[in-house]
Amino acid sequence: MSFEGLQPNDAVQNAGGNAHGQPEASSQQAAQVIEIQNWLVKRLAELIKVSPEEVDIQEPFANFGLNSIDAVSLSGDLEDLLRCRLSATLLWDFPTIETLSHHLAGESAVVQLPE
């Protein structure tokens, strides 16, 4: 799957701030949040067999009826997409699409996988 514009650890690389040491408001990070949210909405809708319009990004994953296999599979798909290692418990640690996408776009503790 192509995920144009999203690079692993971009938020980490940009976390240092500007030349004056001030944190930068990252429009790239905001775009990554939206791209991750859109991907998650589409993928979750496929898993639970509903239209993407029916997936609320503030609804806990548990409310969508995902079993543990689905959750681990979704975490693995995210690893493939972002090319970084993620916790198998990611969906429990960040229980909504909204919280998960913000975490992933600003993740500083991911381990980038070799290409």
C-alpha atoms as a PDB file:
ATOM      1  CA  MET A   1       0.000   0.000   0.000  1.00  0.00           C
ATOM      2  CA  SER A   2       1.315   3.424  -0.883  1.00  0.00           C
ATOM      3  CA  PHE A   3       1.194   5.979   1.864  1.00  0.00           C
ATOM      4  CA  GLU A   4       2.442   9.027   0.033  1.00  0.00           C
ATOM      5  CA  GLY A   5       4.051  11.671   2.176  1.00  0.00           C
ATOM      6  CA  LEU A   6       4.203   9.573   5.341  1.00  0.00           C
ATOM      7  CA  GLN A   7       7.695   8.610   6.357  1.00  0.00           C
ATOM      8  CA  PRO A   8       8.573   6.601   9.441  1.00  0.00           C
ATOM      9  CA  ASN A   9       9.779   8.672  12.347  1.00  0.00           C
ATOM     10  CA  ASP A  10       9.290  12.034  10.584  1.00  0.00           C
ATOM     11  CA  ALA A  11       7.855  13.389  13.814  1.00  0.00           C
ATOM     12  CA  VAL A  12      10.913  12.181  15.697  1.00  0.00           C
ATOM     13  CA  GLN A  13      13.258  13.840  13.235  1.00  0.00           C
ATOM     14  CA  ASN A  14      11.302  17.089  13.474  1.00  0.00           C
ATOM     15  CA  ALA A  15      10.967  17.014  17.248  1.00  0.00           C
ATOM     16  CA  GLY A  16      14.042  19.120  17.883  1.00  0.00           C
ATOM     17  CA  GLY A  17      12.342  22.392  17.047  1.00  0.00           C
ATOM     18  CA  ASN A  18      13.606  25.288  14.999  1.00  0.00           C
ATOM     19  CA  ALA A  19      17.075  26.869  14.855  1.00  0.00           C
ATOM     20  CA  HIS A  20      16.252  28.861  17.989  1.00  0.00           C
ATOM     21  CA  GLY A  21      15.403  25.742  19.994  1.00  0.00           C
ATOM     22  CA  GLN A  22      11.678  26.481  19.929  1.00  0.00           C
ATOM     23  CA  PRO A  23       9.276  23.641  19.117  1.00  0.00           C
ATOM     24  CA  GLU A  24       7.781  23.919  15.640  1.00  0.00           C
ATOM     25  CA  ALA A  25       4.110  23.407  14.963  1.00  0.00           C
ATOM     26  CA  SER A  26       4.413  20.620  12.443  1.00  0.00           C
ATOM     27  CA  SER A  27       1.943  20.791   9.591  1.00  0.00           C
ATOM     28  CA  GLN A  28       3.615  17.615   8.338  1.00  0.00           C
ATOM     29  CA  GLN A  29       2.828  15.909  11.644  1.00  0.00           C
ATOM     30  CA  ALA A  30      -0.789  17.097  11.438  1.00  0.00           C
ATOM     31  CA  ALA A  31      -1.005  15.699   7.910  1.00  0.00           C
ATOM     32  CA  GLN A  32       0.404  12.398   9.170  1.00  0.00           C
ATOM     33  CA  VAL A  33      -2.267  12.247  11.878  1.00  0.00           C
ATOM     34  CA  ILE A  34      -4.969  12.667   9.232  1.00  0.00           C
ATOM     35  CA  GLU A  35      -3.380  10.114   6.890  1.00  0.00           C
ATOM     36  CA  ILE A  36      -3.072   7.556   9.695  1.00  0.00           C
ATOM     37  CA  GLN A  37      -6.653   8.222  10.807  1.00  0.00           C
ATOM     38  CA  ASN A  38      -7.935   7.772   7.250  1.00  0.00           C
ATOM     39  CA  TRP A  39      -5.980   4.530   6.846  1.00  0.00           C
ATOM     40  CA  LEU A  40      -7.241   3.208  10.191  1.00  0.00           C
ATOM     41  CA  VAL A  41     -10.851   4.116   9.386  1.00  0.00           C
ATOM     42  CA  LYS A  42     -10.657   2.336   6.037  1.00  0.00           C
ATOM     43  CA  ARG A  43      -8.884  -0.743   7.450  1.00  0.00           C
ATOM     44  CA  LEU A  44     -11.201  -1.008  10.472  1.00  0.00           C
ATOM     45  CA  ALA A  45     -14.266  -0.636   8.238  1.00  0.00           C
ATOM     46  CA  GLU A  46     -12.954  -3.543   6.130  1.00  0.00           C
ATOM     47  CA  LEU A  47     -12.382  -5.673   9.235  1.00  0.00           C
ATOM     48  CA  ILE A  48     -15.829  -5.120  10.708  1.00  0.00           C
ATOM     49  CA  LYS A  49     -17.612  -4.962   7.338  1.00  0.00           C
ATOM     50  CA  VAL A  50     -19.146  -1.494   7.573  1.00  0.00           C
ATOM     51  CA  SER A  51     -18.752   1.642   5.502  1.00  0.00           C
ATOM     52  CA  PRO A  52     -15.936   4.008   6.544  1.00  0.00           C
ATOM     53  CA  GLU A  53     -18.564   6.656   7.296  1.00  0.00           C
ATOM     54  CA  GLU A  54     -19.824   4.457  10.139  1.00  0.00           C
ATOM     55  CA  VAL A  55     -16.448   4.442  11.927  1.00  0.00           C
ATOM     56  CA  ASP A  56     -16.160   7.134  14.611  1.00  0.00           C
ATOM     57  CA  ILE A  57     -12.519   8.014  15.355  1.00  0.00           C
ATOM     58  CA  GLN A  58     -13.421   8.749  18.998  1.00  0.00           C
ATOM     59  CA  GLU A  59     -15.118   5.385  19.563  1.00  0.00           C
ATOM     60  CA  PRO A  60     -13.016   2.861  21.514  1.00  0.00           C
ATOM     61  CA  PHE A  61     -11.737  -0.065  19.438  1.00  0.00           C
ATOM     62  CA  ALA A  62     -13.393  -2.393  21.954  1.00  0.00           C
ATOM     63  CA  ASN A  63     -16.807  -1.071  20.900  1.00  0.00           C
ATOM     64  CA  PHE A  64     -16.224  -2.244  17.328  1.00  0.00           C
ATOM     65  CA  GLY A  65     -16.178  -5.879  18.420  1.00  0.00           C
ATOM     66  CA  LEU A  66     -12.553  -6.555  17.497  1.00  0.00           C
ATOM     67  CA  ASN A  67     -11.125  -9.737  18.897  1.00  0.00           C
ATOM     68  CA  SER A  68      -7.488 -10.035  19.968  1.00  0.00           C
ATOM     69  CA  ILE A  69      -6.491 -11.573  16.620  1.00  0.00           C
ATOM     70  CA  ASP A  70      -7.997  -8.597  14.757  1.00  0.00           C
ATOM     71  CA  ALA A  71      -6.227  -6.139  17.062  1.00  0.00           C
ATOM     72  CA  VAL A  72      -2.831  -7.810  16.669  1.00  0.00           C
ATOM     73  CA  SER A  73      -3.379  -8.063  12.916  1.00  0.00           C
ATOM     74  CA  LEU A  74      -4.197  -4.362  12.720  1.00  0.00           C
ATOM     75  CA  SER A  75      -1.068  -3.566  14.734  1.00  0.00           C
ATOM     76  CA  GLY A  76       0.971  -5.703  12.320  1.00  0.00           C
ATOM     77  CA  ASP A  77      -0.560  -3.925   9.331  1.00  0.00           C
ATOM     78  CA  LEU A  78       0.429  -0.613  10.905  1.00  0.00           C
ATOM     79  CA  GLU A  79       4.005  -1.903  11.308  1.00  0.00           C
ATOM     80  CA  ASP A  80       4.087  -2.721   7.601  1.00  0.00           C
ATOM     81  CA  LEU A  81       2.607   0.645   6.689  1.00  0.00           C
ATOM     82  CA  LEU A  82       4.899   2.724   8.888  1.00  0.00           C
ATOM     83  CA  ARG A  83       7.931   0.418   8.560  1.00  0.00           C
ATOM     84  CA  CYS A  84       8.572   0.434  12.289  1.00  0.00           C
ATOM     85  CA  ARG A  85       8.119  -1.987  15.164  1.00  0.00           C
ATOM     86  CA  LEU A  86       5.007  -1.433  17.252  1.00  0.00           C
ATOM     87  CA  SER A  87       3.648  -3.036  20.391  1.00  0.00           C
ATOM     88  CA  ALA A  88       1.120  -5.817  19.902  1.00  0.00           C
ATOM     89  CA  THR A  89      -0.930  -4.120  22.646  1.00  0.00           C
ATOM     90  CA  LEU A  90      -1.071  -0.815  20.781  1.00  0.00           C
ATOM     91  CA  LEU A  91      -4.861  -0.808  20.413  1.00  0.00           C
ATOM     92  CA  TRP A  92      -5.291  -1.338  24.150  1.00  0.00           C
ATOM     93  CA  ASP A  93      -2.713   1.318  25.023  1.00  0.00           C
ATOM     94  CA  PHE A  94      -4.295   3.882  22.658  1.00  0.00           C
ATOM     95  CA  PRO A  95      -7.932   2.784  22.542  1.00  0.00           C
ATOM     96  CA  THR A  96      -9.344   5.038  19.796  1.00  0.00           C
ATOM     97  CA  ILE A  97      -8.356   5.861  16.242  1.00  0.00           C
ATOM     98  CA  GLU A  98      -7.921   9.464  17.329  1.00  0.00           C
ATOM     99  CA  THR A  99      -5.535   8.730  20.216  1.00  0.00           C
ATOM    100  CA  LEU A 100      -3.636   6.075  18.272  1.00  0.00           C
ATOM    101  CA  SER A 101      -3.078   8.248  15.210  1.00  0.00           C
ATOM    102  CA  HIS A 102      -1.797  11.146  17.329  1.00  0.00           C
ATOM    103  CA  HIS A 103       0.518   8.781  19.173  1.00  0.00           C
ATOM    104  CA  LEU A 104       1.882   7.261  15.963  1.00  0.00           C
ATOM    105  CA  ALA A 105       2.441  10.624  14.292  1.00  0.00           C
ATOM    106  CA  GLY A 106       4.383  11.839  17.333  1.00  0.00           C
ATOM    107  CA  GLU A 107       5.937   8.543  18.358  1.00  0.00           C
ATOM    108  CA  SER A 108       9.431   8.905  19.724  1.00  0.00           C
ATOM    109  CA  ALA A 109       9.935   5.344  20.922  1.00  0.00           C
ATOM    110  CA  VAL A 110       9.365   3.368  17.737  1.00  0.00           C
ATOM    111  CA  VAL A 111      12.165   1.247  16.379  1.00  0.00           C
ATOM    112  CA  GLN A 112      12.556   1.675  12.645  1.00  0.00           C
ATOM    113  CA  LEU A 113      12.732  -1.597  10.774  1.00  0.00           C
ATOM    114  CA  PRO A 114      15.481  -2.120   8.216  1.00  0.00           C
ATOM    115  CA  GLU A 115      14.441  -1.684   4.586  1.00  0.00           C
END
